[in-house]
Amino acid sequence: MNLDKETSDIEDEEALNEQIAHQMMEMQFEDIDSLLPETVDKMIQECLEDFADLLYIVFLFTSFRV
């Protein structure tokens, strides 16, 4: 009888852990969805700045070689 209670407790705990994990995943996706546009904009901005720096470096090298 005691073993059945322990098994039931373990199953309840596993179900609770699964429910908590599911809720955490939902929260994570909600956070990702809300941050996604800002993150993408920031990444695009950084890429454009890096590309502009690269073009400037290429321009400097080509202007000194002439």
C-alpha atoms as a PDB file:
ATOM      1  CA  MET A   1       0.000   0.000   0.000  1.00  0.00           C
ATOM      2  CA  ASN A   2       2.851   2.360   0.840  1.00  0.00           C
ATOM      3  CA  LEU A   3       4.502   1.553  -2.501  1.00  0.00           C
ATOM      4  CA  ASP A   4       1.320   2.514  -4.378  1.00  0.00           C
ATOM      5  CA  LYS A   5       1.256   5.868  -2.573  1.00  0.00           C
ATOM      6  CA  GLU A   6       4.907   6.537  -3.461  1.00  0.00           C
ATOM      7  CA  THR A   7       4.256   5.595  -7.101  1.00  0.00           C
ATOM      8  CA  SER A   8       1.233   7.891  -7.151  1.00  0.00           C
ATOM      9  CA  ASP A   9       3.300  10.705  -5.614  1.00  0.00           C
ATOM     10  CA  ILE A  10       6.021  10.224  -8.231  1.00  0.00           C
ATOM     11  CA  GLU A  11       3.460  10.257 -11.046  1.00  0.00           C
ATOM     12  CA  ASP A  12       1.873  13.416  -9.619  1.00  0.00           C
ATOM     13  CA  GLU A  13       5.274  15.064  -9.361  1.00  0.00           C
ATOM     14  CA  GLU A  14       6.148  14.100 -12.936  1.00  0.00           C
ATOM     15  CA  ALA A  15       2.829  15.480 -14.175  1.00  0.00           C
ATOM     16  CA  LEU A  16       3.446  18.710 -12.255  1.00  0.00           C
ATOM     17  CA  ASN A  17       6.981  19.003 -13.644  1.00  0.00           C
ATOM     18  CA  GLU A  18       5.646  18.446 -17.163  1.00  0.00           C
ATOM     19  CA  GLN A  19       3.005  21.123 -16.643  1.00  0.00           C
ATOM     20  CA  ILE A  20       5.594  23.586 -15.310  1.00  0.00           C
ATOM     21  CA  ALA A  21       7.915  22.829 -18.236  1.00  0.00           C
ATOM     22  CA  HIS A  22       5.068  23.404 -20.684  1.00  0.00           C
ATOM     23  CA  GLN A  23       4.208  26.742 -19.061  1.00  0.00           C
ATOM     24  CA  MET A  24       7.864  27.797 -19.148  1.00  0.00           C
ATOM     25  CA  MET A  25       8.076  26.914 -22.848  1.00  0.00           C
ATOM     26  CA  GLU A  26       4.972  29.018 -23.553  1.00  0.00           C
ATOM     27  CA  MET A  27       6.455  31.939 -21.642  1.00  0.00           C
ATOM     28  CA  GLN A  28       9.723  31.544 -23.526  1.00  0.00           C
ATOM     29  CA  PHE A  29       7.978  31.623 -26.896  1.00  0.00           C
ATOM     30  CA  GLU A  30       5.947  34.669 -25.875  1.00  0.00           C
ATOM     31  CA  ASP A  31       9.177  36.431 -24.875  1.00  0.00           C
ATOM     32  CA  ILE A  32      10.866  35.424 -28.126  1.00  0.00           C
ATOM     33  CA  ASP A  33       7.915  36.654 -30.176  1.00  0.00           C
ATOM     34  CA  SER A  34       7.922  40.023 -28.439  1.00  0.00           C
ATOM     35  CA  LEU A  35      11.694  40.467 -28.766  1.00  0.00           C
ATOM     36  CA  LEU A  36      12.054  39.081 -32.267  1.00  0.00           C
ATOM     37  CA  PRO A  37      11.412  42.257 -34.292  1.00  0.00           C
ATOM     38  CA  GLU A  38      13.737  44.323 -32.102  1.00  0.00           C
ATOM     39  CA  THR A  39      16.428  41.655 -32.229  1.00  0.00           C
ATOM     40  CA  VAL A  40      16.195  41.314 -36.001  1.00  0.00           C
ATOM     41  CA  ASP A  41      16.310  45.091 -36.438  1.00  0.00           C
ATOM     42  CA  LYS A  42      19.386  45.293 -34.229  1.00  0.00           C
ATOM     43  CA  MET A  43      21.107  42.475 -36.147  1.00  0.00           C
ATOM     44  CA  ILE A  44      20.321  44.102 -39.508  1.00  0.00           C
ATOM     45  CA  GLN A  45      21.618  47.443 -38.237  1.00  0.00           C
ATOM     46  CA  GLU A  46      24.879  45.841 -37.061  1.00  0.00           C
ATOM     47  CA  CYS A  47      25.308  44.047 -40.398  1.00  0.00           C
ATOM     48  CA  LEU A  48      24.744  47.269 -42.327  1.00  0.00           C
ATOM     49  CA  GLU A  49      27.263  49.107 -40.151  1.00  0.00           C
ATOM     50  CA  ASP A  50      29.829  46.340 -40.675  1.00  0.00           C
ATOM     51  CA  PHE A  51      29.182  46.403 -44.422  1.00  0.00           C
ATOM     52  CA  ALA A  52      29.611  50.192 -44.503  1.00  0.00           C
ATOM     53  CA  ASP A  53      32.908  49.848 -42.632  1.00  0.00           C
ATOM     54  CA  LEU A  54      34.057  47.202 -45.110  1.00  0.00           C
ATOM     55  CA  LEU A  55      33.174  49.404 -48.089  1.00  0.00           C
ATOM     56  CA  TYR A  56      35.070  52.308 -46.523  1.00  0.00           C
ATOM     57  CA  ILE A  57      38.151  50.118 -45.998  1.00  0.00           C
ATOM     58  CA  VAL A  58      38.000  48.891 -49.599  1.00  0.00           C
ATOM     59  CA  PHE A  59      37.646  52.486 -50.790  1.00  0.00           C
ATOM     60  CA  LEU A  60      40.699  53.544 -48.772  1.00  0.00           C
ATOM     61  CA  PHE A  61      42.833  50.684 -50.103  1.00  0.00           C
ATOM     62  CA  THR A  62      41.835  51.314 -53.702  1.00  0.00           C
ATOM     63  CA  SER A  63      42.394  55.075 -53.421  1.00  0.00           C
ATOM     64  CA  PHE A  64      45.931  54.603 -52.046  1.00  0.00           C
ATOM     65  CA  ARG A  65      46.898  52.096 -54.730  1.00  0.00           C
ATOM     66  CA  VAL A  66      46.258  54.535 -57.576  1.00  0.00           C
END
